[in-house]
Amino acid sequence: MDAGKKEEIMLALSQVIDPDFRVDVVNLGFINEIDLNDQGLCLVNMTLTVIGCPIMGTLEEMVADALKIIDGVEEVKIEYRWEPAWSVERMSPYAKAMLGLS
């Protein structure tokens, strides 16, 4: 995947707002890796604040919807990585400021 397509995908993901935190999944530090293969499969490796997060399904749907409008993305697959566990340190300065943590 070229740098321009990666930037386009990350920009789309930055529009996905976590309903609980009201901050996007990129700035919250949820996105670990992204990849787009030649067949149009966009693989998103992400984490959430806790295993079994009650809004996991909602976030998956929101991520898929945001990415499916990108030219070249035919399918979205989300995988989770729980190690290392998510922590506040993964958040951007913007997210910390929005949540009053800076």
Protein backbone atom coordinates (compact mmCIF):
# COMPACT_ATOMS: atom_id res chain seq x y z
CA MET A 1 0.00 0.00 0.00
CA ASP A 2 1.42 3.36 -0.95
CA ALA A 3 1.77 6.26 1.48
CA GLY A 4 -1.05 8.22 -0.13
CA LYS A 5 -3.56 5.39 0.29
CA LYS A 6 -2.43 4.84 3.88
CA GLU A 7 -2.97 8.53 4.58
CA GLU A 8 -6.43 8.36 2.99
CA ILE A 9 -7.36 5.36 5.16
CA MET A 10 -6.07 7.01 8.33
CA LEU A 11 -7.98 10.18 7.48
CA ALA A 12 -11.17 8.14 7.08
CA LEU A 13 -10.51 6.40 10.41
CA SER A 14 -10.00 9.78 12.07
CA GLN A 15 -13.67 10.46 11.28
CA VAL A 16 -14.79 7.46 13.37
CA ILE A 17 -15.78 8.91 16.72
CA ASP A 18 -15.93 6.61 19.74
CA PRO A 19 -19.44 7.13 21.20
CA ASP A 20 -18.18 6.88 24.78
CA PHE A 21 -15.13 9.14 24.59
CA ARG A 22 -16.35 11.41 21.76
CA VAL A 23 -12.85 11.33 20.27
CA ASP A 24 -11.79 9.55 17.10
CA VAL A 25 -10.26 6.07 17.12
CA VAL A 26 -6.95 7.29 15.67
CA ASN A 27 -6.31 9.90 18.37
CA LEU A 28 -7.44 7.46 21.05
CA GLY A 29 -4.63 5.16 19.93
CA PHE A 30 -6.90 2.28 18.94
CA ILE A 31 -5.35 1.71 15.50
CA ASN A 32 -2.26 -0.53 15.51
CA GLU A 33 -1.80 -1.35 11.83
CA ILE A 34 -3.62 -1.07 8.51
CA ASP A 35 -3.07 -2.82 5.21
CA LEU A 36 -4.82 -2.90 1.87
CA ASN A 37 -4.07 -5.76 -0.50
CA ASP A 38 -4.45 -5.90 -4.29
CA GLN A 39 -7.83 -7.64 -3.99
CA GLY A 40 -9.30 -4.73 -2.01
CA LEU A 41 -9.19 -6.32 1.43
CA CYS A 42 -8.44 -3.68 4.05
CA LEU A 43 -7.13 -5.23 7.23
CA VAL A 44 -7.37 -3.09 10.35
CA ASN A 45 -5.56 -4.26 13.46
CA MET A 46 -6.82 -2.37 16.45
CA THR A 47 -7.32 -2.50 20.18
CA LEU A 48 -9.95 -1.10 22.49
CA THR A 49 -9.82 0.02 26.09
CA VAL A 50 -10.97 -3.38 27.40
CA ILE A 51 -11.62 -6.88 26.10
CA GLY A 52 -15.36 -7.31 25.69
CA CYS A 53 -15.97 -3.60 25.22
CA PRO A 54 -19.76 -3.19 24.97
CA ILE A 55 -19.50 -0.96 21.88
CA MET A 56 -17.08 -3.25 20.00
CA GLY A 57 -19.70 -4.17 17.38
CA THR A 58 -20.70 -0.56 16.92
CA LEU A 59 -17.10 0.54 16.39
CA GLU A 60 -16.49 -2.32 13.94
CA GLU A 61 -19.48 -1.20 11.88
CA MET A 62 -18.40 2.44 12.01
CA VAL A 63 -14.84 1.57 10.91
CA ALA A 64 -16.09 -0.62 8.05
CA ASP A 65 -18.55 2.04 6.87
CA ALA A 66 -15.83 4.72 6.90
CA LEU A 67 -13.42 2.59 4.89
CA LYS A 68 -15.78 1.07 2.33
CA ILE A 69 -16.26 4.45 0.65
CA ILE A 70 -12.55 4.60 -0.22
CA ASP A 71 -11.70 3.73 -3.80
CA GLY A 72 -10.04 0.32 -3.88
CA VAL A 73 -11.49 -0.94 -0.59
CA GLU A 74 -13.86 -3.81 -1.29
CA GLU A 75 -13.89 -5.54 2.08
CA VAL A 76 -12.87 -4.60 5.61
CA LYS A 77 -11.61 -7.10 8.16
CA ILE A 78 -10.93 -6.05 11.74
CA GLU A 79 -8.56 -7.96 13.97
CA TYR A 80 -7.84 -7.15 17.59
CA ARG A 81 -4.57 -7.09 19.47
CA TRP A 82 -4.87 -7.04 23.24
CA GLU A 83 -1.19 -7.22 24.12
CA PRO A 84 0.14 -4.84 25.09
CA ALA A 85 -3.06 -3.59 26.67
CA TRP A 86 -4.38 -0.18 25.70
CA SER A 87 -3.38 2.63 28.05
CA VAL A 88 -3.76 6.40 28.23
CA GLU A 89 -0.18 6.72 26.94
CA ARG A 90 -1.41 5.58 23.51
CA MET A 91 -3.62 8.67 23.21
CA SER A 92 -2.49 11.68 21.22
CA PRO A 93 -2.02 15.03 22.97
CA TYR A 94 -5.24 16.15 21.22
CA ALA A 95 -7.24 13.26 22.71
CA LYS A 96 -5.79 13.86 26.16
CA ALA A 97 -6.69 17.54 25.95
CA MET A 98 -10.23 16.73 24.78
CA LEU A 99 -10.67 14.42 27.77
CA GLY A 100 -9.06 16.80 30.25
CA LEU A 101 -6.02 14.57 30.81
CA SER A 102 -3.27 16.93 29.75
